[in-house]
Amino acid sequence: MNSATKIHIETEASIAVMRFDGDITSTSKGAVLEAYQAISKTNVKKILLDFSKVEYLNSSGIALVIQMLMEANREGQKVQIFGLSPHFQKVFTMVGLTKYTTLHADEVAAKAAFAS
């Protein structure tokens, strides 16, 4: 529970993928928001959030994800999420994140959701 968050951004066609690696907590705020702002400056309207390498996510981390989703919503961006463990899928659903996004089993399903 001590690994710093690393965020890798990949842009393919009209989709930006934010790949989180490590824990997402209050100490991740700067890195997460900076990465999101970098994507926003590119005018990409489709964003995937990859949580497959996230081992720990606390309430501060969830609040950070909500903040990012609300901002994306205001900017007219569509966000899809994949790679969450079953536990975090349940938590994200319980706290209402599904109002802003859809949770997917994998990257293929998340990308396909943009086409619909």
PDB file of N, CA and C in Angstrom:
ATOM      1  N   MET A   1       0.822  -1.191   0.000  1.00  0.00           N
ATOM      2  CA  MET A   1       0.000   0.000   0.000  1.00  0.00           C
ATOM      3  C   MET A   1       0.868   1.257   0.000  1.00  0.00           C
ATOM      4  N   ASN A   2       1.995   1.149  -0.649  1.00  0.00           N
ATOM      5  CA  ASN A   2       2.902   2.276  -0.607  1.00  0.00           C
ATOM      6  C   ASN A   2       3.452   2.622  -1.978  1.00  0.00           C
ATOM      7  N   SER A   3       2.865   2.009  -3.015  1.00  0.00           N
ATOM      8  CA  SER A   3       3.445   2.273  -4.326  1.00  0.00           C
ATOM      9  C   SER A   3       2.845   3.532  -4.937  1.00  0.00           C
ATOM     10  N   ALA A   4       3.712   4.396  -5.395  1.00  0.00           N
ATOM     11  CA  ALA A   4       3.282   5.648  -5.999  1.00  0.00           C
ATOM     12  C   ALA A   4       2.559   5.365  -7.310  1.00  0.00           C
ATOM     13  N   THR A   5       1.621   6.206  -7.613  1.00  0.00           N
ATOM     14  CA  THR A   5       0.851   6.046  -8.841  1.00  0.00           C
ATOM     15  C   THR A   5       1.684   6.458 -10.039  1.00  0.00           C
ATOM     16  N   LYS A   6       1.722   5.591 -11.024  1.00  0.00           N
ATOM     17  CA  LYS A   6       2.324   5.946 -12.310  1.00  0.00           C
ATOM     18  C   LYS A   6       1.174   5.947 -13.307  1.00  0.00           C
ATOM     19  N   ILE A   7       1.193   6.896 -14.210  1.00  0.00           N
ATOM     20  CA  ILE A   7       0.141   6.975 -15.212  1.00  0.00           C
ATOM     21  C   ILE A   7       0.799   7.055 -16.575  1.00  0.00           C
ATOM     22  N   HIS A   8       0.418   6.132 -17.434  1.00  0.00           N
ATOM     23  CA  HIS A   8       0.920   6.128 -18.804  1.00  0.00           C
ATOM     24  C   HIS A   8      -0.247   6.527 -19.705  1.00  0.00           C
ATOM     25  N   ILE A   9      -0.005   7.458 -20.594  1.00  0.00           N
ATOM     26  CA  ILE A   9      -1.059   7.885 -21.514  1.00  0.00           C
ATOM     27  C   ILE A   9      -0.686   7.414 -22.909  1.00  0.00           C
ATOM     28  N   GLU A  10      -1.627   6.738 -23.540  1.00  0.00           N
ATOM     29  CA  GLU A  10      -1.458   6.315 -24.931  1.00  0.00           C
ATOM     30  C   GLU A  10      -2.604   6.915 -25.721  1.00  0.00           C
ATOM     31  N   THR A  11      -2.307   7.447 -26.885  1.00  0.00           N
ATOM     32  CA  THR A  11      -3.377   7.956 -27.735  1.00  0.00           C
ATOM     33  C   THR A  11      -3.351   7.176 -29.027  1.00  0.00           C
ATOM     34  N   GLU A  12      -4.502   6.568 -29.339  1.00  0.00           N
ATOM     35  CA  GLU A  12      -4.617   5.835 -30.592  1.00  0.00           C
ATOM     36  C   GLU A  12      -5.867   6.335 -31.277  1.00  0.00           C
ATOM     37  N   ALA A  13      -5.710   6.798 -32.502  1.00  0.00           N
ATOM     38  CA  ALA A  13      -6.821   7.380 -33.259  1.00  0.00           C
ATOM     39  C   ALA A  13      -7.461   8.483 -32.418  1.00  0.00           C
ATOM     40  N   SER A  14      -8.732   8.333 -32.085  1.00  0.00           N
ATOM     41  CA  SER A  14      -9.427   9.399 -31.337  1.00  0.00           C
ATOM     42  C   SER A  14      -9.637   9.016 -29.877  1.00  0.00           C
ATOM     43  N   ILE A  15      -8.889   8.022 -29.400  1.00  0.00           N
ATOM     44  CA  ILE A  15      -9.064   7.541 -28.032  1.00  0.00           C
ATOM     45  C   ILE A  15      -7.774   7.708 -27.231  1.00  0.00           C
ATOM     46  N   ALA A  16      -7.900   8.266 -26.039  1.00  0.00           N
ATOM     47  CA  ALA A  16      -6.759   8.359 -25.116  1.00  0.00           C
ATOM     48  C   ALA A  16      -6.958   7.307 -24.033  1.00  0.00           C
ATOM     49  N   VAL A  17      -5.892   6.588 -23.709  1.00  0.00           N
ATOM     50  CA  VAL A  17      -5.963   5.572 -22.659  1.00  0.00           C
ATOM     51  C   VAL A  17      -5.057   6.015 -21.508  1.00  0.00           C
ATOM     52  N   MET A  18      -5.657   6.144 -20.317  1.00  0.00           N
ATOM     53  CA  MET A  18      -4.873   6.434 -19.108  1.00  0.00           C
ATOM     54  C   MET A  18      -4.692   5.113 -18.384  1.00  0.00           C
ATOM     55  N   ARG A  19      -3.454   4.638 -18.326  1.00  0.00           N
ATOM     56  CA  ARG A  19      -3.162   3.376 -17.641  1.00  0.00           C
ATOM     57  C   ARG A  19      -2.569   3.692 -16.273  1.00  0.00           C
ATOM     58  N   PHE A  20      -3.313   3.329 -15.233  1.00  0.00           N
ATOM     59  CA  PHE A  20      -2.860   3.564 -13.865  1.00  0.00           C
ATOM     60  C   PHE A  20      -2.036   2.373 -13.410  1.00  0.00           C
ATOM     61  N   ASP A  21      -0.965   2.653 -12.703  1.00  0.00           N
ATOM     62  CA  ASP A  21      -0.108   1.596 -12.176  1.00  0.00           C
ATOM     63  C   ASP A  21       0.264   1.981 -10.754  1.00  0.00           C
ATOM     64  N   GLY A  22      -0.161   1.190  -9.791  1.00  0.00           N
ATOM     65  CA  GLY A  22       0.107   1.507  -8.389  1.00  0.00           C
ATOM     66  C   GLY A  22      -1.184   1.867  -7.670  1.00  0.00           C
ATOM     67  N   ASP A  23      -1.049   2.378  -6.472  1.00  0.00           N
ATOM     68  CA  ASP A  23      -2.200   2.733  -5.659  1.00  0.00           C
ATOM     69  C   ASP A  23      -2.758   4.098  -6.066  1.00  0.00           C
ATOM     70  N   ILE A  24      -4.065   4.270  -5.882  1.00  0.00           N
ATOM     71  CA  ILE A  24      -4.670   5.574  -6.130  1.00  0.00           C
ATOM     72  C   ILE A  24      -5.257   6.062  -4.813  1.00  0.00           C
ATOM     73  N   THR A  25      -4.612   7.093  -4.272  1.00  0.00           N
ATOM     74  CA  THR A  25      -4.995   7.657  -2.977  1.00  0.00           C
ATOM     75  C   THR A  25      -4.912   9.186  -3.082  1.00  0.00           C
ATOM     76  N   SER A  26      -5.039   9.866  -1.972  1.00  0.00           N
ATOM     77  CA  SER A  26      -4.954  11.334  -1.990  1.00  0.00           C
ATOM     78  C   SER A  26      -3.601  11.808  -2.519  1.00  0.00           C
ATOM     79  N   THR A  27      -2.554  11.018  -2.339  1.00  0.00           N
ATOM     80  CA  THR A  27      -1.228  11.421  -2.825  1.00  0.00           C
ATOM     81  C   THR A  27      -1.124  11.330  -4.350  1.00  0.00           C
ATOM     82  N   SER A  28      -2.123  10.714  -4.988  1.00  0.00           N
ATOM     83  CA  SER A  28      -2.121  10.564  -6.451  1.00  0.00           C
ATOM     84  C   SER A  28      -2.724  11.764  -7.156  1.00  0.00           C
ATOM     85  N   LYS A  29      -3.341  12.662  -6.395  1.00  0.00           N
ATOM     86  CA  LYS A  29      -4.135  13.738  -6.991  1.00  0.00           C
ATOM     87  C   LYS A  29      -3.384  14.512  -8.078  1.00  0.00           C
ATOM     88  N   GLY A  30      -2.188  14.971  -7.765  1.00  0.00           N
ATOM     89  CA  GLY A  30      -1.421  15.752  -8.733  1.00  0.00           C
ATOM     90  C   GLY A  30      -1.172  14.992 -10.022  1.00  0.00           C
ATOM     91  N   ALA A  31      -0.723  13.752  -9.898  1.00  0.00           N
ATOM     92  CA  ALA A  31      -0.397  12.942 -11.082  1.00  0.00           C
ATOM     93  C   ALA A  31      -1.640  12.662 -11.921  1.00  0.00           C
ATOM     94  N   VAL A  32      -2.739  12.317 -11.254  1.00  0.00           N
ATOM     95  CA  VAL A  32      -3.971  11.977 -11.981  1.00  0.00           C
ATOM     96  C   VAL A  32      -4.526  13.201 -12.703  1.00  0.00           C
ATOM     97  N   LEU A  33      -4.640  14.312 -11.992  1.00  0.00           N
ATOM     98  CA  LEU A  33      -5.212  15.512 -12.615  1.00  0.00           C
ATOM     99  C   LEU A  33      -4.309  16.077 -13.698  1.00  0.00           C
ATOM    100  N   GLU A  34      -3.011  15.981 -13.498  1.00  0.00           N
ATOM    101  CA  GLU A  34      -2.061  16.440 -14.519  1.00  0.00           C
ATOM    102  C   GLU A  34      -2.203  15.607 -15.798  1.00  0.00           C
ATOM    103  N   ALA A  35      -2.323  14.297 -15.639  1.00  0.00           N
ATOM    104  CA  ALA A  35      -2.492  13.409 -16.805  1.00  0.00           C
ATOM    105  C   ALA A  35      -3.804  13.707 -17.510  1.00  0.00           C
ATOM    106  N   TYR A  36      -4.855  13.895 -16.729  1.00  0.00           N
ATOM    107  CA  TYR A  36      -6.162  14.197 -17.328  1.00  0.00           C
ATOM    108  C   TYR A  36      -6.110  15.535 -18.076  1.00  0.00           C
ATOM    109  N   GLN A  37      -5.481  16.548 -17.492  1.00  0.00           N
ATOM    110  CA  GLN A  37      -5.366  17.861 -18.144  1.00  0.00           C
ATOM    111  C   GLN A  37      -4.581  17.745 -19.456  1.00  0.00           C
ATOM    112  N   ALA A  38      -3.550  16.908 -19.447  1.00  0.00           N
ATOM    113  CA  ALA A  38      -2.748  16.712 -20.665  1.00  0.00           C
ATOM    114  C   ALA A  38      -3.620  16.137 -21.780  1.00  0.00           C
ATOM    115  N   ILE A  39      -4.496  15.213 -21.424  1.00  0.00           N
ATOM    116  CA  ILE A  39      -5.411  14.640 -22.428  1.00  0.00           C
ATOM    117  C   ILE A  39      -6.402  15.702 -22.895  1.00  0.00           C
ATOM    118  N   SER A  40      -6.940  16.464 -21.962  1.00  0.00           N
ATOM    119  CA  SER A  40      -7.934  17.493 -22.302  1.00  0.00           C
ATOM    120  C   SER A  40      -7.387  18.515 -23.290  1.00  0.00           C
ATOM    121  N   LYS A  41      -6.098  18.822 -23.175  1.00  0.00           N
ATOM    122  CA  LYS A  41      -5.480  19.805 -24.080  1.00  0.00           C
ATOM    123  C   LYS A  41      -5.405  19.287 -25.515  1.00  0.00           C
ATOM    124  N   THR A  42      -5.508  17.972 -25.696  1.00  0.00           N
ATOM    125  CA  THR A  42      -5.409  17.406 -27.045  1.00  0.00           C
ATOM    126  C   THR A  42      -6.759  17.371 -27.756  1.00  0.00           C
ATOM    127  N   ASN A  43      -7.818  17.771 -27.064  1.00  0.00           N
ATOM    128  CA  ASN A  43      -9.176  17.735 -27.623  1.00  0.00           C
ATOM    129  C   ASN A  43      -9.690  16.340 -27.923  1.00  0.00           C
ATOM    130  N   VAL A  44      -9.092  15.327 -27.335  1.00  0.00           N
ATOM    131  CA  VAL A  44      -9.602  13.954 -27.471  1.00  0.00           C
ATOM    132  C   VAL A  44     -10.881  13.869 -26.645  1.00  0.00           C
ATOM    133  N   LYS A  45     -11.927  13.309 -27.239  1.00  0.00           N
ATOM    134  CA  LYS A  45     -13.226  13.255 -26.551  1.00  0.00           C
ATOM    135  C   LYS A  45     -13.555  11.865 -26.008  1.00  0.00           C
ATOM    136  N   LYS A  46     -12.702  10.883 -26.288  1.00  0.00           N
ATOM    137  CA  LYS A  46     -12.939   9.520 -25.804  1.00  0.00           C
ATOM    138  C   LYS A  46     -11.757   9.099 -24.935  1.00  0.00           C
ATOM    139  N   ILE A  47     -12.046   8.754 -23.688  1.00  0.00           N
ATOM    140  CA  ILE A  47     -10.985   8.416 -22.745  1.00  0.00           C
ATOM    141  C   ILE A  47     -11.271   7.067 -22.097  1.00  0.00           C
ATOM    142  N   LEU A  48     -10.262   6.217 -22.093  1.00  0.00           N
ATOM    143  CA  LEU A  48     -10.356   4.943 -21.387  1.00  0.00           C
ATOM    144  C   LEU A  48      -9.508   5.036 -20.125  1.00  0.00           C
ATOM    145  N   LEU A  49     -10.051   4.545 -19.022  1.00  0.00           N
ATOM    146  CA  LEU A  49      -9.286   4.474 -17.781  1.00  0.00           C
ATOM    147  C   LEU A  49      -9.015   3.003 -17.496  1.00  0.00           C
ATOM    148  N   ASP A  50      -7.743   2.645 -17.440  1.00  0.00           N
ATOM    149  CA  ASP A  50      -7.315   1.257 -17.237  1.00  0.00           C
ATOM    150  C   ASP A  50      -6.855   1.075 -15.793  1.00  0.00           C
ATOM    151  N   PHE A  51      -7.631   0.305 -15.037  1.00  0.00           N
ATOM    152  CA  PHE A  51      -7.320   0.059 -13.631  1.00  0.00           C
ATOM    153  C   PHE A  51      -6.720  -1.330 -13.401  1.00  0.00           C
ATOM    154  N   SER A  52      -6.304  -2.013 -14.469  1.00  0.00           N
ATOM    155  CA  SER A  52      -5.859  -3.401 -14.314  1.00  0.00           C
ATOM    156  C   SER A  52      -4.593  -3.559 -13.473  1.00  0.00           C
ATOM    157  N   LYS A  53      -3.797  -2.494 -13.310  1.00  0.00           N
ATOM    158  CA  LYS A  53      -2.589  -2.597 -12.478  1.00  0.00           C
ATOM    159  C   LYS A  53      -2.712  -1.828 -11.165  1.00  0.00           C
ATOM    160  N   VAL A  54      -3.952  -1.492 -10.802  1.00  0.00           N
ATOM    161  CA  VAL A  54      -4.184  -0.794  -9.533  1.00  0.00           C
ATOM    162  C   VAL A  54      -4.486  -1.833  -8.465  1.00  0.00           C
ATOM    163  N   GLU A  55      -3.679  -1.829  -7.419  1.00  0.00           N
ATOM    164  CA  GLU A  55      -3.888  -2.809  -6.355  1.00  0.00           C
ATOM    165  C   GLU A  55      -4.696  -2.235  -5.208  1.00  0.00           C
ATOM    166  N   TYR A  56      -4.607  -0.926  -5.004  1.00  0.00           N
ATOM    167  CA  TYR A  56      -5.280  -0.319  -3.864  1.00  0.00           C
ATOM    168  C   TYR A  56      -5.875   1.018  -4.278  1.00  0.00           C
ATOM    169  N   LEU A  57      -7.108   1.224  -3.883  1.00  0.00           N
ATOM    170  CA  LEU A  57      -7.823   2.445  -4.213  1.00  0.00           C
ATOM    171  C   LEU A  57      -8.663   2.780  -2.992  1.00  0.00           C
ATOM    172  N   ASN A  58      -8.376   3.903  -2.334  1.00  0.00           N
ATOM    173  CA  ASN A  58      -9.152   4.234  -1.137  1.00  0.00           C
ATOM    174  C   ASN A  58     -10.210   5.284  -1.471  1.00  0.00           C
ATOM    175  N   SER A  59     -10.916   5.768  -0.453  1.00  0.00           N
ATOM    176  CA  SER A  59     -12.005   6.724  -0.694  1.00  0.00           C
ATOM    177  C   SER A  59     -11.497   8.010  -1.345  1.00  0.00           C
ATOM    178  N   SER A  60     -10.295   8.439  -0.994  1.00  0.00           N
ATOM    179  CA  SER A  60      -9.720   9.635  -1.630  1.00  0.00           C
ATOM    180  C   SER A  60      -9.459   9.374  -3.108  1.00  0.00           C
ATOM    181  N   GLY A  61      -8.994   8.179  -3.422  1.00  0.00           N
ATOM    182  CA  GLY A  61      -8.756   7.803  -4.814  1.00  0.00           C
ATOM    183  C   GLY A  61     -10.052   7.752  -5.607  1.00  0.00           C
ATOM    184  N   ILE A  62     -11.096   7.220  -4.983  1.00  0.00           N
ATOM    185  CA  ILE A  62     -12.407   7.155  -5.639  1.00  0.00           C
ATOM    186  C   ILE A  62     -12.941   8.569  -5.867  1.00  0.00           C
ATOM    187  N   ALA A  63     -12.768   9.444  -4.880  1.00  0.00           N
ATOM    188  CA  ALA A  63     -13.203  10.836  -5.025  1.00  0.00           C
ATOM    189  C   ALA A  63     -12.466  11.514  -6.185  1.00  0.00           C
ATOM    190  N   LEU A  64     -11.218  11.172  -6.357  1.00  0.00           N
ATOM    191  CA  LEU A  64     -10.406  11.703  -7.447  1.00  0.00           C
ATOM    192  C   LEU A  64     -10.954  11.240  -8.802  1.00  0.00           C
ATOM    193  N   VAL A  65     -11.322   9.968  -8.883  1.00  0.00           N
ATOM    194  CA  VAL A  65     -11.898   9.426 -10.124  1.00  0.00           C
ATOM    195  C   VAL A  65     -13.233  10.131 -10.412  1.00  0.00           C
ATOM    196  N   ILE A  66     -14.049  10.328  -9.373  1.00  0.00           N
ATOM    197  CA  ILE A  66     -15.334  11.023  -9.545  1.00  0.00           C
ATOM    198  C   ILE A  66     -15.103  12.449 -10.048  1.00  0.00           C
ATOM    199  N   GLN A  67     -14.129  13.132  -9.459  1.00  0.00           N
ATOM    200  CA  GLN A  67     -13.809  14.501  -9.881  1.00  0.00           C
ATOM    201  C   GLN A  67     -13.433  14.527 -11.365  1.00  0.00           C
ATOM    202  N   MET A  68     -12.616  13.574 -11.779  1.00  0.00           N
ATOM    203  CA  MET A  68     -12.190  13.497 -13.171  1.00  0.00           C
ATOM    204  C   MET A  68     -13.382  13.210 -14.089  1.00  0.00           C
ATOM    205  N   LEU A  69     -14.260  12.302 -13.677  1.00  0.00           N
ATOM    206  CA  LEU A  69     -15.433  11.954 -14.490  1.00  0.00           C
ATOM    207  C   LEU A  69     -16.390  13.140 -14.622  1.00  0.00           C
ATOM    208  N   MET A  70     -16.572  13.889 -13.550  1.00  0.00           N
ATOM    209  CA  MET A  70     -17.454  15.053 -13.605  1.00  0.00           C
ATOM    210  C   MET A  70     -16.880  16.117 -14.542  1.00  0.00           C
ATOM    211  N   GLU A  71     -15.577  16.311 -14.473  1.00  0.00           N
ATOM    212  CA  GLU A  71     -14.902  17.271 -15.348  1.00  0.00           C
ATOM    213  C   GLU A  71     -15.035  16.826 -16.813  1.00  0.00           C
ATOM    214  N   ALA A  72     -14.824  15.538 -17.063  1.00  0.00           N
ATOM    215  CA  ALA A  72     -14.942  14.998 -18.425  1.00  0.00           C
ATOM    216  C   ALA A  72     -16.367  15.201 -18.946  1.00  0.00           C
ATOM    217  N   ASN A  73     -17.333  14.984 -18.076  1.00  0.00           N
ATOM    218  CA  ASN A  73     -18.731  15.172 -18.435  1.00  0.00           C
ATOM    219  C   ASN A  73     -18.980  16.619 -18.860  1.00  0.00           C
ATOM    220  N   ARG A  74     -18.447  17.562 -18.092  1.00  0.00           N
ATOM    221  CA  ARG A  74     -18.591  18.985 -18.418  1.00  0.00           C
ATOM    222  C   ARG A  74     -17.922  19.328 -19.742  1.00  0.00           C
ATOM    223  N   GLU A  75     -16.804  18.647 -20.032  1.00  0.00           N
ATOM    224  CA  GLU A  75     -16.040  18.927 -21.258  1.00  0.00           C
ATOM    225  C   GLU A  75     -16.593  18.181 -22.469  1.00  0.00           C
ATOM    226  N   GLY A  76     -17.647  17.412 -22.269  1.00  0.00           N
ATOM    227  CA  GLY A  76     -18.233  16.658 -23.383  1.00  0.00           C
ATOM    228  C   GLY A  76     -17.419  15.431 -23.764  1.00  0.00           C
ATOM    229  N   GLN A  77     -16.594  14.952 -22.847  1.00  0.00           N
ATOM    230  CA  GLN A  77     -15.780  13.766 -23.111  1.00  0.00           C
ATOM    231  C   GLN A  77     -16.522  12.526 -22.623  1.00  0.00           C
ATOM    232  N   LYS A  78     -16.331  11.428 -23.334  1.00  0.00           N
ATOM    233  CA  LYS A  78     -16.904  10.144 -22.931  1.00  0.00           C
ATOM    234  C   LYS A  78     -15.794   9.323 -22.291  1.00  0.00           C
ATOM    235  N   VAL A  79     -16.095   8.743 -21.125  1.00  0.00           N
ATOM    236  CA  VAL A  79     -15.096   7.951 -20.409  1.00  0.00           C
ATOM    237  C   VAL A  79     -15.635   6.542 -20.206  1.00  0.00           C
ATOM    238  N   GLN A  80     -14.789   5.554 -20.479  1.00  0.00           N
ATOM    239  CA  GLN A  80     -15.108   4.153 -20.219  1.00  0.00           C
ATOM    240  C   GLN A  80     -14.021   3.626 -19.287  1.00  0.00           C
ATOM    241  N   ILE A  81     -14.413   2.722 -18.395  1.00  0.00           N
ATOM    242  CA  ILE A  81     -13.468   2.172 -17.420  1.00  0.00           C
ATOM    243  C   ILE A  81     -13.372   0.665 -17.594  1.00  0.00           C
ATOM    244  N   PHE A  82     -12.141   0.141 -17.487  1.00  0.00           N
ATOM    245  CA  PHE A  82     -11.965  -1.311 -17.495  1.00  0.00           C
ATOM    246  C   PHE A  82     -10.831  -1.705 -16.571  1.00  0.00           C
ATOM    247  N   GLY A  83     -10.756  -2.996 -16.292  1.00  0.00           N
ATOM    248  CA  GLY A  83      -9.648  -3.518 -15.496  1.00  0.00           C
ATOM    249  C   GLY A  83      -9.867  -3.471 -13.996  1.00  0.00           C
ATOM    250  N   LEU A  84     -11.076  -3.150 -13.545  1.00  0.00           N
ATOM    251  CA  LEU A  84     -11.334  -3.121 -12.103  1.00  0.00           C
ATOM    252  C   LEU A  84     -11.527  -4.537 -11.579  1.00  0.00           C
ATOM    253  N   SER A  85     -11.061  -4.780 -10.375  1.00  0.00           N
ATOM    254  CA  SER A  85     -11.327  -6.067  -9.721  1.00  0.00           C
ATOM    255  C   SER A  85     -12.826  -6.120  -9.414  1.00  0.00           C
ATOM    256  N   PRO A  86     -13.383  -7.325  -9.224  1.00  0.00           N
ATOM    257  CA  PRO A  86     -14.809  -7.429  -8.888  1.00  0.00           C
ATOM    258  C   PRO A  86     -15.185  -6.569  -7.673  1.00  0.00           C
ATOM    259  N   HIS A  87     -14.291  -6.507  -6.689  1.00  0.00           N
ATOM    260  CA  HIS A  87     -14.554  -5.698  -5.498  1.00  0.00           C
ATOM    261  C   HIS A  87     -14.725  -4.225  -5.872  1.00  0.00           C
ATOM    262  N   PHE A  88     -13.809  -3.693  -6.672  1.00  0.00           N
ATOM    263  CA  PHE A  88     -13.900  -2.278  -7.030  1.00  0.00           C
ATOM    264  C   PHE A  88     -15.015  -2.002  -8.029  1.00  0.00           C
ATOM    265  N   GLN A  89     -15.396  -2.996  -8.839  1.00  0.00           N
ATOM    266  CA  GLN A  89     -16.562  -2.818  -9.709  1.00  0.00           C
ATOM    267  C   GLN A  89     -17.789  -2.567  -8.836  1.00  0.00           C
ATOM    268  N   LYS A  90     -17.888  -3.346  -7.765  1.00  0.00           N
ATOM    269  CA  LYS A  90     -19.007  -3.219  -6.833  1.00  0.00           C
ATOM    270  C   LYS A  90     -18.968  -1.853  -6.137  1.00  0.00           C
ATOM    271  N   VAL A  91     -17.790  -1.458  -5.662  1.00  0.00           N
ATOM    272  CA  VAL A  91     -17.635  -0.168  -4.980  1.00  0.00           C
ATOM    273  C   VAL A  91     -17.980   0.985  -5.928  1.00  0.00           C
ATOM    274  N   PHE A  92     -17.449   0.962  -7.154  1.00  0.00           N
ATOM    275  CA  PHE A  92     -17.709   2.041  -8.112  1.00  0.00           C
ATOM    276  C   PHE A  92     -19.205   2.143  -8.395  1.00  0.00           C
ATOM    277  N   THR A  93     -19.882   1.001  -8.474  1.00  0.00           N
ATOM    278  CA  THR A  93     -21.327   0.999  -8.717  1.00  0.00           C
ATOM    279  C   THR A  93     -22.065   1.568  -7.512  1.00  0.00           C
ATOM    280  N   MET A  94     -21.655   1.156  -6.315  1.00  0.00           N
ATOM    281  CA  MET A  94     -22.315   1.615  -5.085  1.00  0.00           C
ATOM    282  C   MET A  94     -22.193   3.128  -4.892  1.00  0.00           C
ATOM    283  N   VAL A  95     -21.043   3.703  -5.228  1.00  0.00           N
ATOM    284  CA  VAL A  95     -20.852   5.139  -5.004  1.00  0.00           C
ATOM    285  C   VAL A  95     -21.383   5.993  -6.163  1.00  0.00           C
ATOM    286  N   GLY A  96     -21.946   5.348  -7.170  1.00  0.00           N
ATOM    287  CA  GLY A  96     -22.607   6.085  -8.241  1.00  0.00           C
ATOM    288  C   GLY A  96     -21.751   6.493  -9.419  1.00  0.00           C
ATOM    289  N   LEU A  97     -20.581   5.922  -9.558  1.00  0.00           N
ATOM    290  CA  LEU A  97     -19.741   6.277 -10.701  1.00  0.00           C
ATOM    291  C   LEU A  97     -20.380   5.893 -12.026  1.00  0.00           C
ATOM    292  N   THR A  98     -21.271   4.927 -11.996  1.00  0.00           N
ATOM    293  CA  THR A  98     -21.895   4.472 -13.239  1.00  0.00           C
ATOM    294  C   THR A  98     -22.868   5.512 -13.813  1.00  0.00           C
ATOM    295  N   LYS A  99     -23.097   6.604 -13.070  1.00  0.00           N
ATOM    296  CA  LYS A  99     -23.883   7.714 -13.648  1.00  0.00           C
ATOM    297  C   LYS A  99     -23.059   8.421 -14.720  1.00  0.00           C
ATOM    298  N   TYR A 100     -21.750   8.365 -14.579  1.00  0.00           N
ATOM    299  CA  TYR A 100     -20.853   9.103 -15.476  1.00  0.00           C
ATOM    300  C   TYR A 100     -20.123   8.230 -16.481  1.00  0.00           C
ATOM    301  N   THR A 101     -20.112   6.933 -16.248  1.00  0.00           N
ATOM    302  CA  THR A 101     -19.312   6.051 -17.092  1.00  0.00           C
ATOM    303  C   THR A 101     -19.880   4.644 -17.046  1.00  0.00           C
ATOM    304  N   THR A 102     -19.293   3.778 -17.850  1.00  0.00           N
ATOM    305  CA  THR A 102     -19.665   2.366 -17.842  1.00  0.00           C
ATOM    306  C   THR A 102     -18.426   1.560 -17.490  1.00  0.00           C
ATOM    307  N   LEU A 103     -18.609   0.499 -16.714  1.00  0.00           N
ATOM    308  CA  LEU A 103     -17.508  -0.378 -16.331  1.00  0.00           C
ATOM    309  C   LEU A 103     -17.487  -1.565 -17.273  1.00  0.00           C
ATOM    310  N   HIS A 104     -16.306  -1.901 -17.762  1.00  0.00           N
ATOM    311  CA  HIS A 104     -16.173  -2.994 -18.729  1.00  0.00           C
ATOM    312  C   HIS A 104     -15.175  -4.036 -18.236  1.00  0.00           C
ATOM    313  N   ALA A 105     -15.323  -5.247 -18.760  1.00  0.00           N
ATOM    314  CA  ALA A 105     -14.451  -6.351 -18.359  1.00  0.00           C
ATOM    315  C   ALA A 105     -13.024  -6.157 -18.874  1.00  0.00           C
ATOM    316  N   ASP A 106     -12.908  -5.639 -20.091  1.00  0.00           N
ATOM    317  CA  ASP A 106     -11.570  -5.507 -20.681  1.00  0.00           C
ATOM    318  C   ASP A 106     -11.525  -4.341 -21.665  1.00  0.00           C
ATOM    319  N   GLU A 107     -10.338  -4.110 -22.190  1.00  0.00           N
ATOM    320  CA  GLU A 107     -10.102  -2.972 -23.082  1.00  0.00           C
ATOM    321  C   GLU A 107     -10.902  -3.076 -24.374  1.00  0.00           C
ATOM    322  N   VAL A 108     -11.022  -4.275 -24.902  1.00  0.00           N
ATOM    323  CA  VAL A 108     -11.773  -4.477 -26.154  1.00  0.00           C
ATOM    324  C   VAL A 108     -13.232  -4.051 -25.975  1.00  0.00           C
ATOM    325  N   ALA A 109     -13.841  -4.491 -24.865  1.00  0.00           N
ATOM    326  CA  ALA A 109     -15.241  -4.133 -24.596  1.00  0.00           C
ATOM    327  C   ALA A 109     -15.386  -2.632 -24.362  1.00  0.00           C
ATOM    328  N   ALA A 110     -14.416  -2.050 -23.659  1.00  0.00           N
ATOM    329  CA  ALA A 110     -14.476  -0.601 -23.383  1.00  0.00           C
ATOM    330  C   ALA A 110     -14.364   0.205 -24.660  1.00  0.00           C
ATOM    331  N   LYS A 111     -13.470  -0.192 -25.552  1.00  0.00           N
ATOM    332  CA  LYS A 111     -13.321   0.517 -26.832  1.00  0.00           C
ATOM    333  C   LYS A 111     -14.558   0.350 -27.690  1.00  0.00           C
ATOM    334  N   ALA A 112     -15.130  -0.848 -27.661  1.00  0.00           N
ATOM    335  CA  ALA A 112     -16.328  -1.113 -28.465  1.00  0.00           C
ATOM    336  C   ALA A 112     -17.498  -0.226 -28.027  1.00  0.00           C
ATOM    337  N   ALA A 113     -17.520   0.134 -26.747  1.00  0.00           N
ATOM    338  CA  ALA A 113     -18.610   0.963 -26.225  1.00  0.00           C
ATOM    339  C   ALA A 113     -18.617   2.351 -26.870  1.00  0.00           C
ATOM    340  N   PHE A 114     -17.471   2.810 -27.321  1.00  0.00           N
ATOM    341  CA  PHE A 114     -17.413   4.122 -27.987  1.00  0.00           C
ATOM    342  C   PHE A 114     -18.108   4.078 -29.341  1.00  0.00           C
ATOM    343  N   ALA A 115     -18.124   2.911 -29.955  1.00  0.00           N
ATOM    344  CA  ALA A 115     -18.707   2.774 -31.289  1.00  0.00           C
ATOM    345  C   ALA A 115     -20.232   2.802 -31.241  1.00  0.00           C
ATOM    346  N   SER A 116     -20.796   2.452 -30.082  1.00  0.00           N
ATOM    347  CA  SER A 116     -22.263   2.380 -30.021  1.00  0.00           C
ATOM    348  C   SER A 116     -22.916   3.728 -29.775  1.00  0.00           C
TER     349      SER A 116
END
